[in-house]
């Protein structure tokens, strides 16, 4: 854990490791039986990595939305040693860490106001 994340993680009631299954395509015949989707990925490392990262990020975001809907604060983070997390929690599996998220209730005294956001027109284009 990066120094700035250690105390937050140590004191969080729950810390989740959001992983990505790098062999997800082996489950596609069961989960997506409509076509031979496994063949889209088998042997295509770039497609596997991109899809696993994207989909595990989305699933982690859904988890955070669900948690926030029932109350807890969420602290997603990237400040950790990927190799150590993988070795400690996913050794011998096809799963790799994507990100870590702490769940709990923040100290209102330590929270700062919402950070500024970019204007819609600065980041989006309607075509």
N, C-alpha and C. Protein backbone atom coordinates (compact mmCIF):
# COMPACT_ATOMS: atom_id res chain seq x y z
N UNK A 1 0.84 -1.18 0.00
CA UNK A 1 0.00 0.00 0.00
C UNK A 1 0.89 1.25 0.00
N UNK A 2 0.50 2.18 -0.80
CA UNK A 2 1.21 3.46 -0.78
C UNK A 2 1.02 4.08 0.60
N UNK A 3 2.00 4.85 1.08
CA UNK A 3 1.90 5.42 2.43
C UNK A 3 0.58 6.16 2.70
N UNK A 4 0.09 6.90 1.74
CA UNK A 4 -1.16 7.64 1.94
C UNK A 4 -2.39 6.77 2.03
N UNK A 5 -2.29 5.51 1.64
CA UNK A 5 -3.44 4.61 1.67
C UNK A 5 -3.40 3.61 2.82
N UNK A 6 -2.28 3.53 3.53
CA UNK A 6 -2.14 2.50 4.56
C UNK A 6 -3.11 2.68 5.72
N UNK A 7 -3.17 3.86 6.32
CA UNK A 7 -4.08 4.05 7.45
C UNK A 7 -5.53 3.92 7.03
N UNK A 8 -5.86 4.45 5.85
CA UNK A 8 -7.24 4.35 5.36
C UNK A 8 -7.65 2.88 5.22
N UNK A 9 -6.75 2.07 4.71
CA UNK A 9 -7.07 0.67 4.50
C UNK A 9 -7.08 -0.09 5.82
N UNK A 10 -6.15 0.22 6.69
CA UNK A 10 -6.06 -0.45 7.99
C UNK A 10 -7.32 -0.19 8.83
N UNK A 11 -7.90 0.99 8.71
CA UNK A 11 -9.04 1.35 9.55
C UNK A 11 -10.39 1.15 8.87
N UNK A 12 -10.40 0.82 7.59
CA UNK A 12 -11.67 0.60 6.89
C UNK A 12 -12.33 -0.68 7.39
N UNK A 13 -13.64 -0.64 7.60
CA UNK A 13 -14.33 -1.86 8.03
C UNK A 13 -14.24 -2.98 6.98
N UNK A 14 -14.24 -2.60 5.71
CA UNK A 14 -14.18 -3.58 4.62
C UNK A 14 -13.24 -3.06 3.54
N UNK A 15 -12.38 -3.93 3.07
CA UNK A 15 -11.54 -3.61 1.91
C UNK A 15 -11.75 -4.72 0.89
N UNK A 16 -12.12 -4.32 -0.32
CA UNK A 16 -12.35 -5.29 -1.40
C UNK A 16 -11.25 -5.17 -2.43
N UNK A 17 -10.80 -6.30 -2.92
CA UNK A 17 -9.86 -6.34 -4.03
C UNK A 17 -10.68 -6.69 -5.27
N UNK A 18 -10.77 -5.76 -6.20
CA UNK A 18 -11.51 -5.99 -7.42
C UNK A 18 -10.53 -6.62 -8.41
N UNK A 19 -10.80 -7.85 -8.76
CA UNK A 19 -9.91 -8.59 -9.63
C UNK A 19 -10.48 -8.74 -11.03
N UNK A 20 -9.61 -9.22 -11.91
CA UNK A 20 -10.04 -9.49 -13.28
C UNK A 20 -9.56 -10.89 -13.65
N UNK A 21 -10.48 -11.70 -14.11
CA UNK A 21 -10.19 -13.07 -14.50
C UNK A 21 -9.61 -13.05 -15.91
N UNK A 22 -8.34 -13.36 -16.02
CA UNK A 22 -7.66 -13.30 -17.31
C UNK A 22 -8.00 -14.51 -18.20
N UNK A 23 -8.77 -15.44 -17.68
CA UNK A 23 -9.25 -16.58 -18.47
C UNK A 23 -10.78 -16.57 -18.54
N UNK A 24 -11.36 -15.37 -18.45
CA UNK A 24 -12.82 -15.22 -18.47
C UNK A 24 -13.45 -15.88 -19.70
N UNK A 25 -12.72 -15.88 -20.80
CA UNK A 25 -13.26 -16.38 -22.06
C UNK A 25 -13.55 -17.88 -22.01
N UNK A 26 -12.91 -18.60 -21.07
CA UNK A 26 -13.20 -20.02 -20.91
C UNK A 26 -14.60 -20.26 -20.36
N UNK A 27 -15.19 -19.25 -19.75
CA UNK A 27 -16.54 -19.36 -19.18
C UNK A 27 -17.62 -18.88 -20.16
N UNK A 28 -17.20 -18.33 -21.29
CA UNK A 28 -18.17 -17.79 -22.25
C UNK A 28 -19.10 -18.84 -22.84
N UNK A 29 -18.68 -20.07 -23.09
CA UNK A 29 -19.65 -21.05 -23.58
C UNK A 29 -20.84 -21.25 -22.62
N UNK A 30 -20.60 -21.10 -21.33
CA UNK A 30 -21.67 -21.22 -20.34
C UNK A 30 -22.43 -19.91 -20.19
N UNK A 31 -21.70 -18.78 -20.12
CA UNK A 31 -22.33 -17.49 -19.83
C UNK A 31 -22.89 -16.77 -21.05
N UNK A 32 -22.37 -17.09 -22.23
CA UNK A 32 -22.83 -16.45 -23.45
C UNK A 32 -22.90 -17.52 -24.55
N UNK A 33 -23.87 -18.45 -24.41
CA UNK A 33 -23.93 -19.62 -25.29
C UNK A 33 -24.47 -19.34 -26.70
N UNK A 34 -24.82 -18.12 -26.98
CA UNK A 34 -25.47 -17.77 -28.24
C UNK A 34 -24.55 -17.91 -29.45
N UNK A 35 -23.27 -17.85 -29.22
CA UNK A 35 -22.29 -17.92 -30.30
C UNK A 35 -20.96 -18.38 -29.73
N UNK A 36 -20.00 -18.62 -30.56
CA UNK A 36 -18.68 -19.06 -30.09
C UNK A 36 -17.84 -17.84 -29.71
N UNK A 37 -18.23 -17.16 -28.63
CA UNK A 37 -17.53 -15.95 -28.19
C UNK A 37 -16.13 -16.27 -27.66
N UNK A 38 -15.91 -17.50 -27.19
CA UNK A 38 -14.59 -17.85 -26.68
C UNK A 38 -13.52 -17.65 -27.76
N UNK A 39 -13.86 -17.96 -28.99
CA UNK A 39 -12.89 -17.85 -30.08
C UNK A 39 -12.49 -16.41 -30.36
N UNK A 40 -13.27 -15.45 -29.92
CA UNK A 40 -12.91 -14.04 -30.11
C UNK A 40 -11.69 -13.67 -29.27
N UNK A 41 -11.46 -14.42 -28.19
CA UNK A 41 -10.41 -14.06 -27.23
C UNK A 41 -9.25 -15.04 -27.15
N UNK A 42 -9.52 -16.33 -27.28
CA UNK A 42 -8.48 -17.35 -27.11
C UNK A 42 -7.28 -17.03 -28.00
N UNK A 43 -6.12 -16.88 -27.37
CA UNK A 43 -4.90 -16.59 -28.10
C UNK A 43 -4.69 -15.12 -28.45
N UNK A 44 -5.64 -14.27 -28.12
CA UNK A 44 -5.53 -12.84 -28.45
C UNK A 44 -5.31 -12.07 -27.14
N UNK A 45 -4.06 -12.00 -26.69
CA UNK A 45 -3.73 -11.42 -25.39
C UNK A 45 -4.18 -9.97 -25.27
N UNK A 46 -4.05 -9.20 -26.32
CA UNK A 46 -4.46 -7.79 -26.26
C UNK A 46 -5.96 -7.68 -26.01
N UNK A 47 -6.76 -8.49 -26.68
CA UNK A 47 -8.22 -8.47 -26.48
C UNK A 47 -8.57 -8.95 -25.08
N UNK A 48 -7.87 -9.97 -24.60
CA UNK A 48 -8.12 -10.50 -23.25
C UNK A 48 -7.85 -9.41 -22.21
N UNK A 49 -6.69 -8.78 -22.28
CA UNK A 49 -6.31 -7.76 -21.29
C UNK A 49 -7.26 -6.56 -21.33
N UNK A 50 -7.56 -6.08 -22.51
CA UNK A 50 -8.45 -4.91 -22.64
C UNK A 50 -9.84 -5.22 -22.11
N UNK A 51 -10.38 -6.37 -22.48
CA UNK A 51 -11.74 -6.73 -22.07
C UNK A 51 -11.81 -7.03 -20.58
N UNK A 52 -10.83 -7.76 -20.06
CA UNK A 52 -10.82 -8.07 -18.63
C UNK A 52 -10.72 -6.80 -17.81
N UNK A 53 -9.85 -5.89 -18.22
CA UNK A 53 -9.69 -4.63 -17.48
C UNK A 53 -10.98 -3.79 -17.54
N UNK A 54 -11.53 -3.65 -18.73
CA UNK A 54 -12.74 -2.83 -18.87
C UNK A 54 -13.90 -3.41 -18.07
N UNK A 55 -14.14 -4.72 -18.23
CA UNK A 55 -15.30 -5.31 -17.57
C UNK A 55 -15.14 -5.39 -16.06
N UNK A 56 -13.93 -5.64 -15.58
CA UNK A 56 -13.75 -5.67 -14.12
C UNK A 56 -13.85 -4.26 -13.54
N UNK A 57 -13.44 -3.26 -14.29
CA UNK A 57 -13.61 -1.87 -13.85
C UNK A 57 -15.09 -1.53 -13.74
N UNK A 58 -15.86 -1.94 -14.74
CA UNK A 58 -17.32 -1.69 -14.69
C UNK A 58 -17.96 -2.41 -13.51
N UNK A 59 -17.59 -3.67 -13.29
CA UNK A 59 -18.17 -4.42 -12.18
C UNK A 59 -17.79 -3.79 -10.83
N UNK A 60 -16.55 -3.32 -10.72
CA UNK A 60 -16.15 -2.62 -9.49
C UNK A 60 -16.94 -1.34 -9.30
N UNK A 61 -17.21 -0.63 -10.38
CA UNK A 61 -18.01 0.60 -10.29
C UNK A 61 -19.44 0.28 -9.87
N UNK A 62 -20.01 -0.82 -10.40
CA UNK A 62 -21.36 -1.22 -9.98
C UNK A 62 -21.38 -1.54 -8.49
N UNK A 63 -20.34 -2.20 -8.00
CA UNK A 63 -20.24 -2.50 -6.58
C UNK A 63 -20.23 -1.21 -5.75
N UNK A 64 -19.47 -0.23 -6.20
CA UNK A 64 -19.41 1.05 -5.47
C UNK A 64 -20.76 1.78 -5.52
N UNK A 65 -21.43 1.77 -6.65
CA UNK A 65 -22.75 2.41 -6.75
C UNK A 65 -23.74 1.73 -5.80
N UNK A 66 -23.72 0.40 -5.76
CA UNK A 66 -24.62 -0.33 -4.87
C UNK A 66 -24.31 0.00 -3.41
N UNK A 67 -23.03 0.03 -3.06
CA UNK A 67 -22.65 0.35 -1.68
C UNK A 67 -23.10 1.76 -1.32
N UNK A 68 -22.83 2.71 -2.19
CA UNK A 68 -23.21 4.10 -1.91
C UNK A 68 -24.72 4.25 -1.80
N UNK A 69 -25.46 3.45 -2.54
CA UNK A 69 -26.93 3.53 -2.49
C UNK A 69 -27.47 3.13 -1.12
N UNK A 70 -26.73 2.28 -0.39
CA UNK A 70 -27.19 1.88 0.93
C UNK A 70 -26.43 2.57 2.06
N UNK A 71 -25.52 3.48 1.71
CA UNK A 71 -24.92 4.31 2.73
C UNK A 71 -23.42 4.43 2.83
N UNK A 72 -22.66 3.36 2.75
CA UNK A 72 -21.22 3.51 2.99
C UNK A 72 -20.50 4.39 1.96
N UNK A 73 -19.43 5.00 2.42
CA UNK A 73 -18.53 5.72 1.53
C UNK A 73 -17.62 4.68 0.87
N UNK A 74 -17.07 5.05 -0.27
CA UNK A 74 -16.18 4.16 -1.01
C UNK A 74 -14.88 4.89 -1.30
N UNK A 75 -13.78 4.19 -1.15
CA UNK A 75 -12.48 4.77 -1.42
C UNK A 75 -11.69 3.90 -2.38
N UNK A 76 -11.98 4.00 -3.69
CA UNK A 76 -11.21 3.22 -4.65
C UNK A 76 -9.79 3.76 -4.76
N UNK A 77 -8.84 2.86 -5.01
CA UNK A 77 -7.46 3.32 -5.08
C UNK A 77 -6.62 2.45 -6.01
N UNK A 78 -5.57 3.08 -6.50
CA UNK A 78 -4.57 2.40 -7.31
C UNK A 78 -3.22 2.37 -6.62
N UNK A 79 -3.09 3.00 -5.49
CA UNK A 79 -1.81 3.12 -4.80
C UNK A 79 -1.44 1.89 -4.00
N UNK A 80 -1.01 0.83 -4.68
CA UNK A 80 -0.60 -0.40 -4.02
C UNK A 80 0.36 -1.15 -4.92
N UNK A 81 1.02 -2.14 -4.36
CA UNK A 81 1.98 -2.95 -5.11
C UNK A 81 1.23 -4.10 -5.77
N UNK A 82 1.00 -3.99 -7.06
CA UNK A 82 0.23 -4.98 -7.82
C UNK A 82 0.80 -6.38 -7.67
N UNK A 83 2.11 -6.52 -7.81
CA UNK A 83 2.73 -7.84 -7.73
C UNK A 83 2.52 -8.49 -6.36
N UNK A 84 2.63 -7.69 -5.30
CA UNK A 84 2.43 -8.24 -3.95
C UNK A 84 0.98 -8.66 -3.72
N UNK A 85 0.05 -7.85 -4.21
CA UNK A 85 -1.38 -8.21 -4.05
C UNK A 85 -1.67 -9.49 -4.83
N UNK A 86 -1.20 -9.56 -6.06
CA UNK A 86 -1.43 -10.77 -6.86
C UNK A 86 -0.81 -12.00 -6.19
N UNK A 87 0.41 -11.87 -5.68
CA UNK A 87 1.08 -13.00 -5.03
C UNK A 87 0.36 -13.41 -3.75
N UNK A 88 -0.14 -12.43 -2.99
CA UNK A 88 -0.78 -12.72 -1.71
C UNK A 88 -2.19 -13.27 -1.84
N UNK A 89 -2.93 -12.82 -2.84
CA UNK A 89 -4.34 -13.18 -2.92
C UNK A 89 -4.72 -14.03 -4.13
N UNK A 90 -3.94 -13.98 -5.20
CA UNK A 90 -4.35 -14.65 -6.42
C UNK A 90 -3.32 -15.63 -6.98
N UNK A 91 -2.33 -15.98 -6.18
CA UNK A 91 -1.29 -16.92 -6.65
C UNK A 91 -1.94 -18.23 -7.11
N UNK A 92 -1.48 -18.74 -8.23
CA UNK A 92 -1.99 -19.99 -8.74
C UNK A 92 -3.34 -19.91 -9.42
N UNK A 93 -3.83 -18.68 -9.65
CA UNK A 93 -5.12 -18.50 -10.32
C UNK A 93 -4.92 -17.66 -11.58
N UNK A 94 -5.99 -17.50 -12.32
CA UNK A 94 -5.97 -16.65 -13.51
C UNK A 94 -6.43 -15.23 -13.20
N UNK A 95 -6.64 -14.93 -11.93
CA UNK A 95 -7.14 -13.62 -11.52
C UNK A 95 -5.96 -12.70 -11.20
N UNK A 96 -6.12 -11.44 -11.60
CA UNK A 96 -5.14 -10.39 -11.27
C UNK A 96 -5.92 -9.21 -10.71
N UNK A 97 -5.26 -8.45 -9.84
CA UNK A 97 -5.91 -7.29 -9.24
C UNK A 97 -6.08 -6.18 -10.28
N UNK A 98 -7.23 -5.52 -10.21
CA UNK A 98 -7.48 -4.31 -11.01
C UNK A 98 -7.31 -3.11 -10.09
N UNK A 99 -8.14 -3.03 -9.03
CA UNK A 99 -8.00 -1.96 -8.06
C UNK A 99 -8.51 -2.43 -6.72
N UNK A 100 -8.28 -1.63 -5.70
CA UNK A 100 -8.71 -1.92 -4.33
C UNK A 100 -9.68 -0.84 -3.91
N UNK A 101 -10.68 -1.23 -3.13
CA UNK A 101 -11.66 -0.24 -2.66
C UNK A 101 -11.98 -0.46 -1.19
N UNK A 102 -11.85 0.59 -0.41
CA UNK A 102 -12.25 0.56 0.99
C UNK A 102 -13.70 0.99 1.10
N UNK A 103 -14.44 0.36 2.02
CA UNK A 103 -15.83 0.70 2.28
C UNK A 103 -15.99 1.00 3.76
N UNK A 104 -16.74 2.02 4.07
CA UNK A 104 -16.98 2.40 5.46
C UNK A 104 -17.62 3.77 5.50
N UNK A 105 -17.44 4.46 6.60
CA UNK A 105 -18.00 5.80 6.76
C UNK A 105 -16.87 6.75 7.07
N UNK A 106 -16.67 7.71 6.20
CA UNK A 106 -15.57 8.66 6.36
C UNK A 106 -15.77 9.60 7.53
N UNK A 107 -14.69 10.13 7.99
CA UNK A 107 -14.70 11.13 9.05
C UNK A 107 -15.04 12.47 8.40
N UNK A 108 -16.22 13.00 8.70
CA UNK A 108 -16.68 14.24 8.08
C UNK A 108 -15.69 15.39 8.29
N UNK A 109 -14.94 15.35 9.37
CA UNK A 109 -13.96 16.40 9.65
C UNK A 109 -12.77 16.36 8.70
N UNK A 110 -12.52 15.18 8.11
CA UNK A 110 -11.38 15.03 7.22
C UNK A 110 -11.76 15.12 5.74
N UNK A 111 -13.05 15.15 5.46
CA UNK A 111 -13.50 15.22 4.08
C UNK A 111 -13.42 16.65 3.58
N UNK A 112 -13.08 16.80 2.30
CA UNK A 112 -13.06 18.12 1.70
C UNK A 112 -14.19 18.19 0.69
N UNK A 113 -14.60 19.40 0.34
CA UNK A 113 -15.72 19.53 -0.60
C UNK A 113 -15.40 18.84 -1.93
N UNK A 114 -16.46 18.58 -2.66
CA UNK A 114 -16.30 17.94 -3.97
C UNK A 114 -15.32 18.75 -4.81
N UNK A 115 -14.42 18.05 -5.47
CA UNK A 115 -13.44 18.70 -6.34
C UNK A 115 -14.13 19.29 -7.58
N UNK A 116 -13.51 20.28 -8.19
CA UNK A 116 -14.10 20.86 -9.40
C UNK A 116 -14.22 19.81 -10.51
N UNK A 117 -15.15 20.02 -11.39
CA UNK A 117 -15.37 19.13 -12.54
C UNK A 117 -15.18 19.94 -13.81
N UNK A 118 -14.78 19.26 -14.86
CA UNK A 118 -14.67 19.90 -16.17
C UNK A 118 -16.07 20.12 -16.74
N UNK A 119 -16.21 21.15 -17.54
CA UNK A 119 -17.49 21.44 -18.17
C UNK A 119 -17.78 20.37 -19.23
N UNK A 120 -19.04 20.10 -19.45
CA UNK A 120 -19.46 19.09 -20.44
C UNK A 120 -18.79 19.34 -21.78
N UNK A 121 -18.84 20.56 -22.26
CA UNK A 121 -18.28 20.89 -23.58
C UNK A 121 -16.76 20.72 -23.65
N UNK A 122 -16.10 20.71 -22.51
CA UNK A 122 -14.65 20.53 -22.50
C UNK A 122 -14.24 19.06 -22.64
N UNK A 123 -15.14 18.14 -22.35
CA UNK A 123 -14.79 16.73 -22.37
C UNK A 123 -15.68 15.87 -23.26
N UNK A 124 -16.74 16.43 -23.79
CA UNK A 124 -17.67 15.66 -24.60
C UNK A 124 -17.92 16.33 -25.94
N UNK A 125 -18.22 15.49 -26.90
CA UNK A 125 -18.56 16.00 -28.23
C UNK A 125 -19.77 15.21 -28.72
N UNK A 126 -20.81 15.89 -29.09
CA UNK A 126 -21.99 15.24 -29.62
C UNK A 126 -21.83 15.17 -31.13
N UNK A 127 -21.92 13.98 -31.67
CA UNK A 127 -21.74 13.80 -33.12
C UNK A 127 -23.02 13.32 -33.77
